[in-house]
Amino acid sequence: MQSAQQIHQLQIHSQKQQQQQHQFQFHQQKQLYQLQLQQQQEQQSGEDELRRLMSSSSQKESVTSSPDLESLSTND
């Protein structure tokens, strides 16, 4: 009878350990998720900045390239 009780206590103990491990994993995943979220937000703002620079530079390019197109059409 005592051995069965010991086994039962061991099972409870291992279940407790598993629960603690699970909580720890959950905590790690939460931190990882928050980190990824933060990186995504930073990346997003970086992409927006890049897009803004791209659009402003492409506008400048279109202004400078339009005379070239006109001169090409007159050469034809």
PDB file of N, CA and C in Angstrom:
ATOM      1  N   MET A   1       0.832  -1.196   0.000  1.00  0.00           N
ATOM      2  CA  MET A   1       0.000   0.000   0.000  1.00  0.00           C
ATOM      3  C   MET A   1       0.874   1.257   0.000  1.00  0.00           C
ATOM      4  N   GLN A   2       1.959   1.149   0.754  1.00  0.00           N
ATOM      5  CA  GLN A   2       2.840   2.321   0.843  1.00  0.00           C
ATOM      6  C   GLN A   2       3.511   2.604  -0.510  1.00  0.00           C
ATOM      7  N   SER A   3       3.862   1.543  -1.215  1.00  0.00           N
ATOM      8  CA  SER A   3       4.538   1.731  -2.499  1.00  0.00           C
ATOM      9  C   SER A   3       3.604   2.415  -3.504  1.00  0.00           C
ATOM     10  N   ALA A   4       2.325   2.053  -3.438  1.00  0.00           N
ATOM     11  CA  ALA A   4       1.355   2.686  -4.334  1.00  0.00           C
ATOM     12  C   ALA A   4       1.229   4.170  -4.001  1.00  0.00           C
ATOM     13  N   GLN A   5       1.289   4.472  -2.731  1.00  0.00           N
ATOM     14  CA  GLN A   5       1.196   5.868  -2.293  1.00  0.00           C
ATOM     15  C   GLN A   5       2.428   6.659  -2.767  1.00  0.00           C
ATOM     16  N   GLN A   6       3.577   5.994  -2.681  1.00  0.00           N
ATOM     17  CA  GLN A   6       4.813   6.651  -3.119  1.00  0.00           C
ATOM     18  C   GLN A   6       4.761   6.926  -4.623  1.00  0.00           C
ATOM     19  N   ILE A   7       4.281   5.946  -5.363  1.00  0.00           N
ATOM     20  CA  ILE A   7       4.169   6.114  -6.815  1.00  0.00           C
ATOM     21  C   ILE A   7       3.240   7.282  -7.133  1.00  0.00           C
ATOM     22  N   HIS A   8       2.138   7.329  -6.392  1.00  0.00           N
ATOM     23  CA  HIS A   8       1.162   8.397  -6.603  1.00  0.00           C
ATOM     24  C   HIS A   8       1.789   9.771  -6.318  1.00  0.00           C
ATOM     25  N   GLN A   9       2.559   9.859  -5.250  1.00  0.00           N
ATOM     26  CA  GLN A   9       3.220  11.111  -4.910  1.00  0.00           C
ATOM     27  C   GLN A   9       4.240  11.499  -5.984  1.00  0.00           C
ATOM     28  N   LEU A  10       4.912  10.495  -6.510  1.00  0.00           N
ATOM     29  CA  LEU A  10       5.878  10.753  -7.573  1.00  0.00           C
ATOM     30  C   LEU A  10       5.176  11.302  -8.811  1.00  0.00           C
ATOM     31  N   GLN A  11       4.029  10.718  -9.119  1.00  0.00           N
ATOM     32  CA  GLN A  11       3.256  11.179 -10.278  1.00  0.00           C
ATOM     33  C   GLN A  11       2.826  12.637 -10.098  1.00  0.00           C
ATOM     34  N   ILE A  12       2.353  12.945  -8.902  1.00  0.00           N
ATOM     35  CA  ILE A  12       1.940  14.326  -8.608  1.00  0.00           C
ATOM     36  C   ILE A  12       3.132  15.269  -8.761  1.00  0.00           C
ATOM     37  N   HIS A  13       4.266  14.831  -8.251  1.00  0.00           N
ATOM     38  CA  HIS A  13       5.472  15.658  -8.318  1.00  0.00           C
ATOM     39  C   HIS A  13       5.869  15.910  -9.779  1.00  0.00           C
ATOM     40  N   SER A  14       5.842  14.869 -10.580  1.00  0.00           N
ATOM     41  CA  SER A  14       6.235  15.033 -11.978  1.00  0.00           C
ATOM     42  C   SER A  14       5.228  15.902 -12.726  1.00  0.00           C
ATOM     43  N   GLN A  15       3.956  15.801 -12.362  1.00  0.00           N
ATOM     44  CA  GLN A  15       2.946  16.659 -12.982  1.00  0.00           C
ATOM     45  C   GLN A  15       3.201  18.119 -12.639  1.00  0.00           C
ATOM     46  N   LYS A  16       3.566  18.360 -11.383  1.00  0.00           N
ATOM     47  CA  LYS A  16       3.867  19.725 -10.952  1.00  0.00           C
ATOM     48  C   LYS A  16       5.054  20.271 -11.743  1.00  0.00           C
ATOM     49  N   GLN A  17       6.062  19.451 -11.913  1.00  0.00           N
ATOM     50  CA  GLN A  17       7.234  19.886 -12.666  1.00  0.00           C
ATOM     51  C   GLN A  17       6.857  20.220 -14.109  1.00  0.00           C
ATOM     52  N   GLN A  18       6.006  19.379 -14.686  1.00  0.00           N
ATOM     53  CA  GLN A  18       5.570  19.619 -16.058  1.00  0.00           C
ATOM     54  C   GLN A  18       4.803  20.932 -16.162  1.00  0.00           C
ATOM     55  N   GLN A  19       3.974  21.201 -15.170  1.00  0.00           N
ATOM     56  CA  GLN A  19       3.213  22.454 -15.163  1.00  0.00           C
ATOM     57  C   GLN A  19       4.159  23.651 -15.094  1.00  0.00           C
ATOM     58  N   GLN A  20       5.144  23.550 -14.222  1.00  0.00           N
ATOM     59  CA  GLN A  20       6.106  24.648 -14.090  1.00  0.00           C
ATOM     60  C   GLN A  20       6.870  24.851 -15.398  1.00  0.00           C
ATOM     61  N   GLN A  21       7.248  23.747 -16.005  1.00  0.00           N
ATOM     62  CA  GLN A  21       7.973  23.806 -17.263  1.00  0.00           C
ATOM     63  C   GLN A  21       7.093  24.455 -18.329  1.00  0.00           C
ATOM     64  N   HIS A  22       5.831  24.078 -18.324  1.00  0.00           N
ATOM     65  CA  HIS A  22       4.891  24.622 -19.298  1.00  0.00           C
ATOM     66  C   HIS A  22       4.731  26.136 -19.112  1.00  0.00           C
ATOM     67  N   GLN A  23       4.624  26.558 -17.856  1.00  0.00           N
ATOM     68  CA  GLN A  23       4.503  27.987 -17.565  1.00  0.00           C
ATOM     69  C   GLN A  23       5.754  28.727 -18.031  1.00  0.00           C
ATOM     70  N   PHE A  24       6.896  28.105 -17.823  1.00  0.00           N
ATOM     71  CA  PHE A  24       8.156  28.710 -18.238  1.00  0.00           C
ATOM     72  C   PHE A  24       8.198  28.848 -19.760  1.00  0.00           C
ATOM     73  N   GLN A  25       7.794  27.781 -20.453  1.00  0.00           N
ATOM     74  CA  GLN A  25       7.766  27.820 -21.915  1.00  0.00           C
ATOM     75  C   GLN A  25       6.806  28.894 -22.408  1.00  0.00           C
ATOM     76  N   PHE A  26       5.657  28.974 -21.751  1.00  0.00           N
ATOM     77  CA  PHE A  26       4.657  29.970 -22.128  1.00  0.00           C
ATOM     78  C   PHE A  26       5.244  31.373 -21.962  1.00  0.00           C
ATOM     79  N   HIS A  27       5.949  31.569 -20.866  1.00  0.00           N
ATOM     80  CA  HIS A  27       6.566  32.865 -20.594  1.00  0.00           C
ATOM     81  C   HIS A  27       7.597  33.203 -21.670  1.00  0.00           C
ATOM     82  N   GLN A  28       8.392  32.207 -22.039  1.00  0.00           N
ATOM     83  CA  GLN A  28       9.405  32.414 -23.074  1.00  0.00           C
ATOM     84  C   GLN A  28       8.749  32.762 -24.407  1.00  0.00           C
ATOM     85  N   GLN A  29       7.693  32.018 -24.729  1.00  0.00           N
ATOM     86  CA  GLN A  29       6.997  32.257 -25.993  1.00  0.00           C
ATOM     87  C   GLN A  29       6.400  33.663 -26.023  1.00  0.00           C
ATOM     88  N   LYS A  30       5.869  34.083 -24.873  1.00  0.00           N
ATOM     89  CA  LYS A  30       5.280  35.417 -24.775  1.00  0.00           C
ATOM     90  C   LYS A  30       6.349  36.482 -25.012  1.00  0.00           C
ATOM     91  N   GLN A  31       7.501  36.288 -24.387  1.00  0.00           N
ATOM     92  CA  GLN A  31       8.598  37.245 -24.568  1.00  0.00           C
ATOM     93  C   GLN A  31       9.048  37.262 -26.023  1.00  0.00           C
ATOM     94  N   LEU A  32       9.149  36.078 -26.606  1.00  0.00           N
ATOM     95  CA  LEU A  32       9.578  35.955 -27.992  1.00  0.00           C
ATOM     96  C   LEU A  32       8.580  36.650 -28.907  1.00  0.00           C
ATOM     97  N   TYR A  33       7.303  36.450 -28.617  1.00  0.00           N
ATOM     98  CA  TYR A  33       6.245  37.062 -29.419  1.00  0.00           C
ATOM     99  C   TYR A  33       6.320  38.588 -29.338  1.00  0.00           C
ATOM    100  N   GLN A  34       6.508  39.091 -28.121  1.00  0.00           N
ATOM    101  CA  GLN A  34       6.606  40.542 -27.940  1.00  0.00           C
ATOM    102  C   GLN A  34       7.826  41.092 -28.663  1.00  0.00           C
ATOM    103  N   LEU A  35       8.903  40.327 -28.631  1.00  0.00           N
ATOM    104  CA  LEU A  35      10.128  40.733 -29.308  1.00  0.00           C
ATOM    105  C   LEU A  35       9.896  40.787 -30.819  1.00  0.00           C
ATOM    106  N   GLN A  36       9.263  39.750 -31.351  1.00  0.00           N
ATOM    107  CA  GLN A  36       8.964  39.699 -32.782  1.00  0.00           C
ATOM    108  C   GLN A  36       8.050  40.841 -33.189  1.00  0.00           C
ATOM    109  N   LEU A  37       7.070  41.125 -32.339  1.00  0.00           N
ATOM    110  CA  LEU A  37       6.123  42.197 -32.601  1.00  0.00           C
ATOM    111  C   LEU A  37       6.866  43.527 -32.669  1.00  0.00           C
ATOM    112  N   GLN A  38       7.774  43.713 -31.726  1.00  0.00           N
ATOM    113  CA  GLN A  38       8.564  44.939 -31.671  1.00  0.00           C
ATOM    114  C   GLN A  38       9.415  45.070 -32.935  1.00  0.00           C
ATOM    115  N   GLN A  39      10.035  43.958 -33.336  1.00  0.00           N
ATOM    116  CA  GLN A  39      10.871  43.973 -34.530  1.00  0.00           C
ATOM    117  C   GLN A  39      10.033  44.266 -35.772  1.00  0.00           C
ATOM    118  N   GLN A  40       8.834  43.676 -35.825  1.00  0.00           N
ATOM    119  CA  GLN A  40       7.952  43.914 -36.963  1.00  0.00           C
ATOM    120  C   GLN A  40       7.586  45.387 -37.066  1.00  0.00           C
ATOM    121  N   GLN A  41       7.271  45.989 -35.906  1.00  0.00           N
ATOM    122  CA  GLN A  41       6.902  47.397 -35.891  1.00  0.00           C
ATOM    123  C   GLN A  41       8.077  48.262 -36.341  1.00  0.00           C
ATOM    124  N   GLU A  42       9.265  47.922 -35.875  1.00  0.00           N
ATOM    125  CA  GLU A  42      10.460  48.675 -36.264  1.00  0.00           C
ATOM    126  C   GLU A  42      10.715  48.506 -37.761  1.00  0.00           C
ATOM    127  N   GLN A  43      10.535  47.276 -38.237  1.00  0.00           N
ATOM    128  CA  GLN A  43      10.745  46.985 -39.654  1.00  0.00           C
ATOM    129  C   GLN A  43       9.727  47.756 -40.489  1.00  0.00           C
ATOM    130  N   GLN A  44       8.492  47.792 -40.007  1.00  0.00           N
ATOM    131  CA  GLN A  44       7.414  48.492 -40.705  1.00  0.00           C
ATOM    132  C   GLN A  44       7.752  49.968 -40.852  1.00  0.00           C
ATOM    133  N   SER A  45       8.185  50.588 -39.760  1.00  0.00           N
ATOM    134  CA  SER A  45       8.515  52.012 -39.804  1.00  0.00           C
ATOM    135  C   SER A  45       9.721  52.227 -40.718  1.00  0.00           C
ATOM    136  N   GLY A  46      10.654  51.281 -40.712  1.00  0.00           N
ATOM    137  CA  GLY A  46      11.805  51.356 -41.601  1.00  0.00           C
ATOM    138  C   GLY A  46      11.388  51.253 -43.052  1.00  0.00           C
ATOM    139  N   GLU A  47      10.438  50.359 -43.339  1.00  0.00           N
ATOM    140  CA  GLU A  47       9.943  50.188 -44.705  1.00  0.00           C
ATOM    141  C   GLU A  47       9.185  51.429 -45.166  1.00  0.00           C
ATOM    142  N   ASP A  48       8.421  52.006 -44.249  1.00  0.00           N
ATOM    143  CA  ASP A  48       7.683  53.228 -44.584  1.00  0.00           C
ATOM    144  C   ASP A  48       8.664  54.346 -44.943  1.00  0.00           C
ATOM    145  N   GLU A  49       9.721  54.432 -44.164  1.00  0.00           N
ATOM    146  CA  GLU A  49      10.753  55.444 -44.398  1.00  0.00           C
ATOM    147  C   GLU A  49      11.402  55.201 -45.754  1.00  0.00           C
ATOM    148  N   LEU A  50      11.685  53.938 -46.028  1.00  0.00           N
ATOM    149  CA  LEU A  50      12.311  53.558 -47.295  1.00  0.00           C
ATOM    150  C   LEU A  50      11.379  53.893 -48.457  1.00  0.00           C
ATOM    151  N   ARG A  51      10.104  53.573 -48.284  1.00  0.00           N
ATOM    152  CA  ARG A  51       9.122  53.827 -49.338  1.00  0.00           C
ATOM    153  C   ARG A  51       9.020  55.336 -49.604  1.00  0.00           C
ATOM    154  N   ARG A  52       9.095  56.100 -48.508  1.00  0.00           N
ATOM    155  CA  ARG A  52       8.996  57.550 -48.631  1.00  0.00           C
ATOM    156  C   ARG A  52      10.207  58.095 -49.414  1.00  0.00           C
ATOM    157  N   LEU A  53      11.376  57.557 -49.094  1.00  0.00           N
ATOM    158  CA  LEU A  53      12.598  57.979 -49.785  1.00  0.00           C
ATOM    159  C   LEU A  53      12.541  57.568 -51.252  1.00  0.00           C
ATOM    160  N   MET A  54      12.057  56.349 -51.495  1.00  0.00           N
ATOM    161  CA  MET A  54      11.968  55.840 -52.853  1.00  0.00           C
ATOM    162  C   MET A  54      11.040  56.722 -53.689  1.00  0.00           C
ATOM    163  N   SER A  55       9.881  57.036 -53.120  1.00  0.00           N
ATOM    164  CA  SER A  55       8.897  57.822 -53.868  1.00  0.00           C
ATOM    165  C   SER A  55       9.426  59.230 -54.132  1.00  0.00           C
ATOM    166  N   SER A  56      10.113  59.799 -53.151  1.00  0.00           N
ATOM    167  CA  SER A  56      10.626  61.160 -53.329  1.00  0.00           C
ATOM    168  C   SER A  56      11.760  61.161 -54.368  1.00  0.00           C
ATOM    169  N   SER A  57      12.578  60.106 -54.369  1.00  0.00           N
ATOM    170  CA  SER A  57      13.684  60.044 -55.325  1.00  0.00           C
ATOM    171  C   SER A  57      13.151  59.729 -56.725  1.00  0.00           C
ATOM    172  N   SER A  58      12.095  58.907 -56.814  1.00  0.00           N
ATOM    173  CA  SER A  58      11.549  58.568 -58.127  1.00  0.00           C
ATOM    174  C   SER A  58      10.857  59.783 -58.742  1.00  0.00           C
ATOM    175  N   GLN A  59      10.295  60.645 -57.886  1.00  0.00           N
ATOM    176  CA  GLN A  59       9.691  61.880 -58.377  1.00  0.00           C
ATOM    177  C   GLN A  59      10.769  62.778 -58.982  1.00  0.00           C
ATOM    178  N   LYS A  60      11.902  62.859 -58.284  1.00  0.00           N
ATOM    179  CA  LYS A  60      13.022  63.661 -58.790  1.00  0.00           C
ATOM    180  C   LYS A  60      13.510  63.093 -60.121  1.00  0.00           C
ATOM    181  N   GLU A  61      13.579  61.756 -60.177  1.00  0.00           N
ATOM    182  CA  GLU A  61      14.061  61.101 -61.396  1.00  0.00           C
ATOM    183  C   GLU A  61      13.134  61.385 -62.566  1.00  0.00           C
ATOM    184  N   SER A  62      11.836  61.312 -62.310  1.00  0.00           N
ATOM    185  CA  SER A  62      10.881  61.524 -63.394  1.00  0.00           C
ATOM    186  C   SER A  62      10.977  62.954 -63.923  1.00  0.00           C
ATOM    187  N   VAL A  63      11.288  63.885 -63.029  1.00  0.00           N
ATOM    188  CA  VAL A  63      11.435  65.284 -63.443  1.00  0.00           C
ATOM    189  C   VAL A  63      12.674  65.437 -64.327  1.00  0.00           C
ATOM    190  N   THR A  64      13.753  64.750 -63.942  1.00  0.00           N
ATOM    191  CA  THR A  64      15.001  64.894 -64.713  1.00  0.00           C
ATOM    192  C   THR A  64      14.950  64.068 -65.992  1.00  0.00           C
ATOM    193  N   SER A  65      14.185  62.978 -66.022  1.00  0.00           N
ATOM    194  CA  SER A  65      14.213  62.092 -67.187  1.00  0.00           C
ATOM    195  C   SER A  65      13.233  62.545 -68.268  1.00  0.00           C
ATOM    196  N   SER A  66      12.292  63.408 -67.930  1.00  0.00           N
ATOM    197  CA  SER A  66      11.307  63.811 -68.937  1.00  0.00           C
ATOM    198  C   SER A  66      11.934  64.611 -70.102  1.00  0.00           C
ATOM    199  N   PRO A  67      12.910  65.492 -69.864  1.00  0.00           N
ATOM    200  CA  PRO A  67      13.526  66.174 -71.011  1.00  0.00           C
ATOM    201  C   PRO A  67      14.249  65.193 -71.937  1.00  0.00           C
ATOM    202  N   ASP A  68      14.843  64.159 -71.360  1.00  0.00           N
ATOM    203  CA  ASP A  68      15.545  63.153 -72.164  1.00  0.00           C
ATOM    204  C   ASP A  68      14.566  62.470 -73.100  1.00  0.00           C
ATOM    205  N   LEU A  69      13.394  62.152 -72.591  1.00  0.00           N
ATOM    206  CA  LEU A  69      12.379  61.494 -73.407  1.00  0.00           C
ATOM    207  C   LEU A  69      11.961  62.404 -74.558  1.00  0.00           C
ATOM    208  N   GLU A  70      11.833  63.683 -74.276  1.00  0.00           N
ATOM    209  CA  GLU A  70      11.434  64.635 -75.311  1.00  0.00           C
ATOM    210  C   GLU A  70      12.503  64.721 -76.398  1.00  0.00           C
ATOM    211  N   SER A  71      13.766  64.767 -75.965  1.00  0.00           N
ATOM    212  CA  SER A  71      14.850  64.875 -76.931  1.00  0.00           C
ATOM    213  C   SER A  71      14.944  63.603 -77.773  1.00  0.00           C
ATOM    214  N   LEU A  72      14.642  62.452 -77.167  1.00  0.00           N
ATOM    215  CA  LEU A  72      14.648  61.193 -77.904  1.00  0.00           C
ATOM    216  C   LEU A  72      13.562  61.197 -78.970  1.00  0.00           C
ATOM    217  N   SER A  73      12.398  61.704 -78.617  1.00  0.00           N
ATOM    218  CA  SER A  73      11.274  61.694 -79.555  1.00  0.00           C
ATOM    219  C   SER A  73      11.556  62.658 -80.726  1.00  0.00           C
ATOM    220  N   THR A  74      12.263  63.754 -80.472  1.00  0.00           N
ATOM    221  CA  THR A  74      12.580  64.688 -81.559  1.00  0.00           C
ATOM    222  C   THR A  74      13.646  64.086 -82.474  1.00  0.00           C
ATOM    223  N   ASN A  75      14.540  63.260 -81.941  1.00  0.00           N
ATOM    224  CA  ASN A  75      15.570  62.627 -82.749  1.00  0.00           C
ATOM    225  C   ASN A  75      14.959  61.660 -83.745  1.00  0.00           C
ATOM    226  N   ASP A  76      13.841  60.995 -83.347  1.00  0.00           N
ATOM    227  CA  ASP A  76      13.168  60.084 -84.278  1.00  0.00           C
ATOM    228  C   ASP A  76      12.636  60.894 -85.452  1.00  0.00           C
TER     229      ASP A  76
END
